[in-house]
Amino acid sequence: MRATSWAWPDRAPQDWTSPGADGFGLSDSRAVTRRHFGVGAESVTVAALTALTHRGEGKAGTVRLAAERHGVRL
């Protein structure tokens, strides 16, 4: 989906984010690779909270707190 993200907006009318780390040829563990590319559970949680905040359904303080708690850079 990441390679063809331009083709999806009219098929997915709501906001969406396509996380992915396939095809980079890294020889690290999956957990470390996910963290590197920002697609681990912690990063996805912060991204979801950020999206909700942008839609007016969340608070910026919650995003900052989650990012600090999980070690995610904003």
Foldseek 3Di string as FASTA:
>chain_A
DVVVPVPPCVVDVDDDDDDDDPDPPDPDDPVVSCVVRQNDPLSVVLVVQVVCVVVVNHDPVVSVVSCVVVVHDD
